[in-house]
Amino acid sequence: MPSAPAGTLYRGREGMWSWVAHRVTGVLIFLFLLVHVLDTALVRVSPEAYNAVIGVYKTPLMGLGEAGLVLAIVFHAFNGIRIILVDFWAKGPKYQHVMLWVVIGLVVVTMAGFLPRHLSHVFGG
């Protein structure tokens, strides 16, 4: 693998893509929290509307969306720890590539533990 010129730790390599994924997952988590606060507030405005929204959340499509949300949260959390190590640990930049693979491994293991149970509930298993 060719080495990157000085000052381009993230440009076009795995560091850049993890940076992009970290920002995208952060925005998605924020949007979820915004929608969650709004739909929860609906119970005070119109209990019928709240019940209708909750009914939509019980569909298989939303169950898959919940799995995507958990994936985003898990990646964002583990990658956030990686970013802290890259920024504040003297050897962080040297090991950022290895740490990214550790993050990916942790995400896979975590999701492998979560998905079977979650999907069995979503699809009635």
N, C-alpha and C. Protein backbone atom coordinates (compact mmCIF):
# COMPACT_ATOMS: atom_id res chain seq x y z
N MET A 1 0.86 -1.17 0.00
CA MET A 1 0.00 0.00 0.00
C MET A 1 0.91 1.23 0.00
N PRO A 2 0.69 2.17 -0.92
CA PRO A 2 1.55 3.36 -0.96
C PRO A 2 1.29 4.22 0.27
N SER A 3 2.39 4.83 0.73
CA SER A 3 2.23 5.70 1.90
C SER A 3 1.68 7.05 1.48
N ALA A 4 0.90 7.64 2.35
CA ALA A 4 0.29 8.94 2.06
C ALA A 4 1.31 10.04 2.31
N PRO A 5 1.27 11.09 1.51
CA PRO A 5 2.17 12.22 1.78
C PRO A 5 1.86 12.82 3.15
N ALA A 6 2.85 13.51 3.70
CA ALA A 6 2.67 14.12 5.02
C ALA A 6 1.44 15.00 5.05
N GLY A 7 0.68 14.91 6.16
CA GLY A 7 -0.50 15.76 6.34
C GLY A 7 -1.75 15.25 5.66
N THR A 8 -1.72 14.02 5.13
CA THR A 8 -2.91 13.51 4.45
C THR A 8 -3.35 12.17 5.05
N LEU A 9 -3.38 12.11 6.36
CA LEU A 9 -3.76 10.88 7.06
C LEU A 9 -5.12 10.38 6.60
N TYR A 10 -6.06 11.29 6.33
CA TYR A 10 -7.43 10.89 6.01
C TYR A 10 -7.75 10.96 4.53
N ARG A 11 -7.02 11.69 3.73
CA ARG A 11 -7.42 11.97 2.36
C ARG A 11 -7.44 10.72 1.48
N GLY A 12 -8.64 10.27 1.13
CA GLY A 12 -8.82 9.18 0.17
C GLY A 12 -8.54 7.80 0.69
N ARG A 13 -8.26 7.66 1.95
CA ARG A 13 -7.95 6.35 2.50
C ARG A 13 -9.00 5.95 3.52
N GLU A 14 -8.77 4.83 4.21
CA GLU A 14 -9.77 4.34 5.16
C GLU A 14 -10.07 5.34 6.27
N GLY A 15 -9.08 6.13 6.65
CA GLY A 15 -9.33 7.15 7.67
C GLY A 15 -10.37 8.16 7.22
N MET A 16 -10.33 8.54 5.94
CA MET A 16 -11.31 9.49 5.41
C MET A 16 -12.70 8.87 5.41
N TRP A 17 -12.79 7.61 5.00
CA TRP A 17 -14.10 6.97 4.92
C TRP A 17 -14.69 6.74 6.31
N SER A 18 -13.85 6.45 7.29
CA SER A 18 -14.38 6.32 8.66
C SER A 18 -14.81 7.69 9.18
N TRP A 19 -14.10 8.75 8.77
CA TRP A 19 -14.48 10.12 9.14
C TRP A 19 -15.85 10.45 8.55
N VAL A 20 -16.05 10.12 7.27
CA VAL A 20 -17.33 10.37 6.61
C VAL A 20 -18.43 9.55 7.29
N ALA A 21 -18.19 8.27 7.53
CA ALA A 21 -19.19 7.41 8.15
C ALA A 21 -19.53 7.91 9.56
N HIS A 22 -18.54 8.42 10.27
CA HIS A 22 -18.78 8.94 11.61
C HIS A 22 -19.73 10.15 11.56
N ARG A 23 -19.51 11.04 10.58
CA ARG A 23 -20.38 12.22 10.46
C ARG A 23 -21.78 11.81 10.01
N VAL A 24 -21.87 10.89 9.06
CA VAL A 24 -23.19 10.45 8.57
C VAL A 24 -23.97 9.77 9.69
N THR A 25 -23.33 8.87 10.43
CA THR A 25 -24.04 8.20 11.52
C THR A 25 -24.44 9.20 12.59
N GLY A 26 -23.61 10.19 12.85
CA GLY A 26 -23.96 11.22 13.82
C GLY A 26 -25.20 11.99 13.41
N VAL A 27 -25.29 12.36 12.13
CA VAL A 27 -26.47 13.08 11.64
C VAL A 27 -27.70 12.18 11.69
N LEU A 28 -27.57 10.92 11.32
CA LEU A 28 -28.71 10.00 11.37
C LEU A 28 -29.20 9.80 12.80
N ILE A 29 -28.28 9.67 13.74
CA ILE A 29 -28.68 9.52 15.15
C ILE A 29 -29.39 10.79 15.63
N PHE A 30 -28.87 11.95 15.25
CA PHE A 30 -29.52 13.21 15.62
C PHE A 30 -30.93 13.28 15.06
N LEU A 31 -31.10 12.92 13.78
CA LEU A 31 -32.43 12.97 13.16
C LEU A 31 -33.39 12.00 13.86
N PHE A 32 -32.89 10.82 14.21
CA PHE A 32 -33.73 9.88 14.95
C PHE A 32 -34.18 10.49 16.26
N LEU A 33 -33.24 11.08 17.00
CA LEU A 33 -33.59 11.67 18.30
C LEU A 33 -34.61 12.79 18.14
N LEU A 34 -34.46 13.58 17.10
CA LEU A 34 -35.42 14.66 16.83
C LEU A 34 -36.82 14.08 16.58
N VAL A 35 -36.90 13.09 15.71
CA VAL A 35 -38.19 12.46 15.41
C VAL A 35 -38.75 11.78 16.66
N HIS A 36 -37.89 11.15 17.44
CA HIS A 36 -38.34 10.47 18.64
C HIS A 36 -38.94 11.45 19.65
N VAL A 37 -38.31 12.59 19.84
CA VAL A 37 -38.85 13.60 20.75
C VAL A 37 -40.19 14.11 20.24
N LEU A 38 -40.28 14.35 18.94
CA LEU A 38 -41.53 14.86 18.35
C LEU A 38 -42.66 13.84 18.45
N ASP A 39 -42.36 12.57 18.12
CA ASP A 39 -43.45 11.58 18.17
C ASP A 39 -43.86 11.28 19.61
N THR A 40 -42.94 11.37 20.55
CA THR A 40 -43.30 11.17 21.95
C THR A 40 -44.15 12.34 22.45
N ALA A 41 -43.85 13.53 21.99
CA ALA A 41 -44.63 14.71 22.38
C ALA A 41 -46.06 14.64 21.83
N LEU A 42 -46.27 13.86 20.78
CA LEU A 42 -47.60 13.70 20.19
C LEU A 42 -48.62 13.17 21.19
N VAL A 43 -48.18 12.40 22.16
CA VAL A 43 -49.12 11.82 23.12
C VAL A 43 -49.87 12.91 23.88
N ARG A 44 -49.25 14.06 24.08
CA ARG A 44 -49.91 15.17 24.79
C ARG A 44 -50.86 15.92 23.87
N VAL A 45 -50.58 15.92 22.57
CA VAL A 45 -51.40 16.66 21.62
C VAL A 45 -52.60 15.83 21.17
N SER A 46 -52.31 14.59 20.77
CA SER A 46 -53.38 13.73 20.26
C SER A 46 -53.02 12.26 20.51
N PRO A 47 -53.60 11.66 21.52
CA PRO A 47 -53.30 10.25 21.78
C PRO A 47 -53.61 9.33 20.59
N GLU A 48 -54.62 9.68 19.81
CA GLU A 48 -54.95 8.86 18.64
C GLU A 48 -53.82 8.91 17.61
N ALA A 49 -53.30 10.11 17.37
CA ALA A 49 -52.18 10.26 16.43
C ALA A 49 -50.95 9.52 16.94
N TYR A 50 -50.71 9.61 18.24
CA TYR A 50 -49.59 8.90 18.85
C TYR A 50 -49.74 7.39 18.63
N ASN A 51 -50.94 6.86 18.87
CA ASN A 51 -51.18 5.42 18.68
C ASN A 51 -50.99 5.02 17.22
N ALA A 52 -51.38 5.90 16.29
CA ALA A 52 -51.18 5.61 14.86
C ALA A 52 -49.69 5.54 14.53
N VAL A 53 -48.92 6.46 15.08
CA VAL A 53 -47.47 6.47 14.84
C VAL A 53 -46.84 5.21 15.42
N ILE A 54 -47.23 4.85 16.62
CA ILE A 54 -46.70 3.63 17.24
C ILE A 54 -47.07 2.41 16.41
N GLY A 55 -48.25 2.40 15.82
CA GLY A 55 -48.65 1.30 14.94
C GLY A 55 -47.73 1.19 13.73
N VAL A 56 -47.33 2.32 13.18
CA VAL A 56 -46.39 2.31 12.05
C VAL A 56 -45.05 1.75 12.49
N TYR A 57 -44.63 2.06 13.71
CA TYR A 57 -43.33 1.60 14.20
C TYR A 57 -43.28 0.08 14.38
N LYS A 58 -44.43 -0.57 14.43
CA LYS A 58 -44.47 -2.02 14.62
C LYS A 58 -44.40 -2.80 13.32
N THR A 59 -44.18 -2.13 12.20
CA THR A 59 -44.10 -2.80 10.90
C THR A 59 -42.70 -3.38 10.68
N PRO A 60 -42.58 -4.41 9.85
CA PRO A 60 -41.25 -4.99 9.57
C PRO A 60 -40.27 -3.97 8.97
N LEU A 61 -40.75 -3.05 8.15
CA LEU A 61 -39.86 -2.06 7.57
C LEU A 61 -39.22 -1.20 8.66
N MET A 62 -40.01 -0.80 9.63
CA MET A 62 -39.46 -0.01 10.73
C MET A 62 -38.55 -0.87 11.61
N GLY A 63 -38.84 -2.15 11.71
CA GLY A 63 -37.96 -3.06 12.45
C GLY A 63 -36.58 -3.13 11.81
N LEU A 64 -36.56 -3.14 10.49
CA LEU A 64 -35.27 -3.11 9.78
C LEU A 64 -34.59 -1.75 10.00
N GLY A 65 -35.40 -0.69 10.03
CA GLY A 65 -34.85 0.63 10.31
C GLY A 65 -34.23 0.70 11.70
N GLU A 66 -34.87 0.03 12.66
CA GLU A 66 -34.30 -0.02 14.02
C GLU A 66 -32.96 -0.73 14.01
N ALA A 67 -32.86 -1.80 13.22
CA ALA A 67 -31.57 -2.50 13.12
C ALA A 67 -30.51 -1.57 12.53
N GLY A 68 -30.89 -0.78 11.52
CA GLY A 68 -29.97 0.20 10.95
C GLY A 68 -29.57 1.26 11.97
N LEU A 69 -30.52 1.67 12.79
CA LEU A 69 -30.23 2.65 13.84
C LEU A 69 -29.23 2.08 14.84
N VAL A 70 -29.43 0.84 15.25
CA VAL A 70 -28.50 0.22 16.19
C VAL A 70 -27.12 0.10 15.55
N LEU A 71 -27.06 -0.27 14.29
CA LEU A 71 -25.79 -0.33 13.57
C LEU A 71 -25.10 1.04 13.58
N ALA A 72 -25.85 2.09 13.31
CA ALA A 72 -25.28 3.44 13.30
C ALA A 72 -24.76 3.82 14.68
N ILE A 73 -25.51 3.52 15.72
CA ILE A 73 -25.10 3.86 17.09
C ILE A 73 -23.85 3.08 17.49
N VAL A 74 -23.84 1.79 17.19
CA VAL A 74 -22.69 0.95 17.56
C VAL A 74 -21.43 1.42 16.82
N PHE A 75 -21.54 1.66 15.52
CA PHE A 75 -20.38 2.14 14.77
C PHE A 75 -19.93 3.49 15.30
N HIS A 76 -20.86 4.40 15.51
CA HIS A 76 -20.53 5.75 15.97
C HIS A 76 -19.82 5.70 17.33
N ALA A 77 -20.29 4.84 18.21
CA ALA A 77 -19.68 4.73 19.54
C ALA A 77 -18.26 4.18 19.46
N PHE A 78 -18.09 3.05 18.78
CA PHE A 78 -16.75 2.45 18.71
C PHE A 78 -15.79 3.33 17.90
N ASN A 79 -16.27 3.91 16.82
CA ASN A 79 -15.40 4.77 16.03
C ASN A 79 -15.07 6.05 16.79
N GLY A 80 -15.98 6.52 17.62
CA GLY A 80 -15.68 7.69 18.45
C GLY A 80 -14.53 7.42 19.40
N ILE A 81 -14.50 6.23 19.98
CA ILE A 81 -13.37 5.85 20.84
C ILE A 81 -12.09 5.82 20.02
N ARG A 82 -12.17 5.27 18.81
CA ARG A 82 -11.00 5.23 17.93
C ARG A 82 -10.51 6.64 17.62
N ILE A 83 -11.43 7.55 17.33
CA ILE A 83 -11.05 8.93 17.01
C ILE A 83 -10.37 9.58 18.22
N ILE A 84 -10.88 9.34 19.42
CA ILE A 84 -10.25 9.88 20.63
C ILE A 84 -8.82 9.36 20.75
N LEU A 85 -8.64 8.05 20.49
CA LEU A 85 -7.29 7.49 20.56
C LEU A 85 -6.37 8.07 19.49
N VAL A 86 -6.87 8.26 18.29
CA VAL A 86 -6.05 8.85 17.22
C VAL A 86 -5.65 10.27 17.60
N ASP A 87 -6.57 11.01 18.18
CA ASP A 87 -6.30 12.42 18.51
C ASP A 87 -5.44 12.61 19.76
N PHE A 88 -5.61 11.76 20.77
CA PHE A 88 -4.97 12.04 22.06
C PHE A 88 -3.89 11.04 22.47
N TRP A 89 -3.74 9.95 21.76
CA TRP A 89 -2.70 8.97 22.06
C TRP A 89 -1.56 9.22 21.08
N ALA A 90 -0.35 9.34 21.58
CA ALA A 90 0.79 9.67 20.74
C ALA A 90 0.97 8.68 19.59
N LYS A 91 0.67 7.41 19.82
CA LYS A 91 0.82 6.40 18.77
C LYS A 91 -0.47 6.18 17.99
N GLY A 92 -1.50 6.96 18.29
CA GLY A 92 -2.80 6.79 17.63
C GLY A 92 -2.74 6.86 16.11
N PRO A 93 -2.11 7.90 15.54
CA PRO A 93 -2.05 7.97 14.07
C PRO A 93 -1.34 6.76 13.44
N LYS A 94 -0.35 6.24 14.14
CA LYS A 94 0.39 5.09 13.61
C LYS A 94 -0.51 3.85 13.53
N TYR A 95 -1.40 3.71 14.51
CA TYR A 95 -2.24 2.51 14.60
C TYR A 95 -3.69 2.75 14.16
N GLN A 96 -3.97 3.89 13.54
CA GLN A 96 -5.36 4.20 13.19
C GLN A 96 -5.96 3.17 12.23
N HIS A 97 -5.16 2.64 11.31
CA HIS A 97 -5.66 1.63 10.37
C HIS A 97 -6.05 0.34 11.11
N VAL A 98 -5.19 -0.10 11.99
CA VAL A 98 -5.47 -1.31 12.78
C VAL A 98 -6.70 -1.08 13.67
N MET A 99 -6.76 0.09 14.28
CA MET A 99 -7.91 0.39 15.15
C MET A 99 -9.21 0.42 14.37
N LEU A 100 -9.16 0.85 13.10
CA LEU A 100 -10.38 0.83 12.28
C LEU A 100 -10.85 -0.61 12.09
N TRP A 101 -9.93 -1.52 11.85
CA TRP A 101 -10.31 -2.93 11.70
C TRP A 101 -10.84 -3.50 13.01
N VAL A 102 -10.32 -3.03 14.14
CA VAL A 102 -10.85 -3.44 15.44
C VAL A 102 -12.28 -2.93 15.59
N VAL A 103 -12.52 -1.68 15.20
CA VAL A 103 -13.87 -1.11 15.25
C VAL A 103 -14.81 -1.94 14.39
N ILE A 104 -14.41 -2.25 13.17
CA ILE A 104 -15.26 -3.04 12.28
C ILE A 104 -15.54 -4.42 12.90
N GLY A 105 -14.53 -5.03 13.49
CA GLY A 105 -14.72 -6.33 14.14
C GLY A 105 -15.69 -6.24 15.31
N LEU A 106 -15.55 -5.20 16.12
CA LEU A 106 -16.46 -5.02 17.26
C LEU A 106 -17.89 -4.78 16.80
N VAL A 107 -18.04 -4.01 15.71
CA VAL A 107 -19.39 -3.77 15.16
C VAL A 107 -20.00 -5.08 14.68
N VAL A 108 -19.22 -5.88 13.97
CA VAL A 108 -19.73 -7.16 13.45
C VAL A 108 -20.13 -8.08 14.60
N VAL A 109 -19.29 -8.18 15.62
CA VAL A 109 -19.59 -9.05 16.77
C VAL A 109 -20.84 -8.55 17.50
N THR A 110 -20.91 -7.25 17.72
CA THR A 110 -22.07 -6.69 18.42
C THR A 110 -23.35 -6.92 17.64
N MET A 111 -23.31 -6.65 16.34
CA MET A 111 -24.51 -6.83 15.52
C MET A 111 -24.87 -8.30 15.39
N ALA A 112 -23.87 -9.18 15.37
CA ALA A 112 -24.16 -10.62 15.30
C ALA A 112 -24.90 -11.08 16.56
N GLY A 113 -24.63 -10.44 17.68
CA GLY A 113 -25.36 -10.77 18.90
C GLY A 113 -26.75 -10.15 18.94
N PHE A 114 -26.89 -8.99 18.32
CA PHE A 114 -28.16 -8.25 18.37
C PHE A 114 -29.16 -8.71 17.31
N LEU A 115 -28.70 -8.85 16.07
CA LEU A 115 -29.62 -9.06 14.95
C LEU A 115 -30.49 -10.31 15.04
N PRO A 116 -29.97 -11.47 15.39
CA PRO A 116 -30.86 -12.65 15.41
C PRO A 116 -32.07 -12.46 16.32
N ARG A 117 -31.82 -11.97 17.51
CA ARG A 117 -32.94 -11.78 18.45
C ARG A 117 -33.90 -10.68 17.96
N HIS A 118 -33.33 -9.57 17.51
CA HIS A 118 -34.16 -8.46 17.05
C HIS A 118 -35.01 -8.87 15.85
N LEU A 119 -34.38 -9.50 14.87
CA LEU A 119 -35.11 -9.88 13.66
C LEU A 119 -36.15 -10.96 13.93
N SER A 120 -35.89 -11.80 14.93
CA SER A 120 -36.91 -12.80 15.27
C SER A 120 -38.16 -12.11 15.85
N HIS A 121 -37.96 -11.02 16.57
CA HIS A 121 -39.11 -10.26 17.08
C HIS A 121 -39.80 -9.50 15.94
N VAL A 122 -39.01 -8.95 15.03
CA VAL A 122 -39.58 -8.17 13.92
C VAL A 122 -40.42 -9.05 13.02
N PHE A 123 -39.92 -10.24 12.71
CA PHE A 123 -40.62 -11.11 11.77
C PHE A 123 -41.40 -12.23 12.46
N GLY A 124 -41.59 -12.07 13.77
CA GLY A 124 -42.49 -12.98 14.50
C GLY A 124 -41.98 -14.37 14.71
N GLY A 125 -40.68 -14.54 14.85
CA GLY A 125 -40.10 -15.88 15.00
C GLY A 125 -40.04 -16.39 16.37
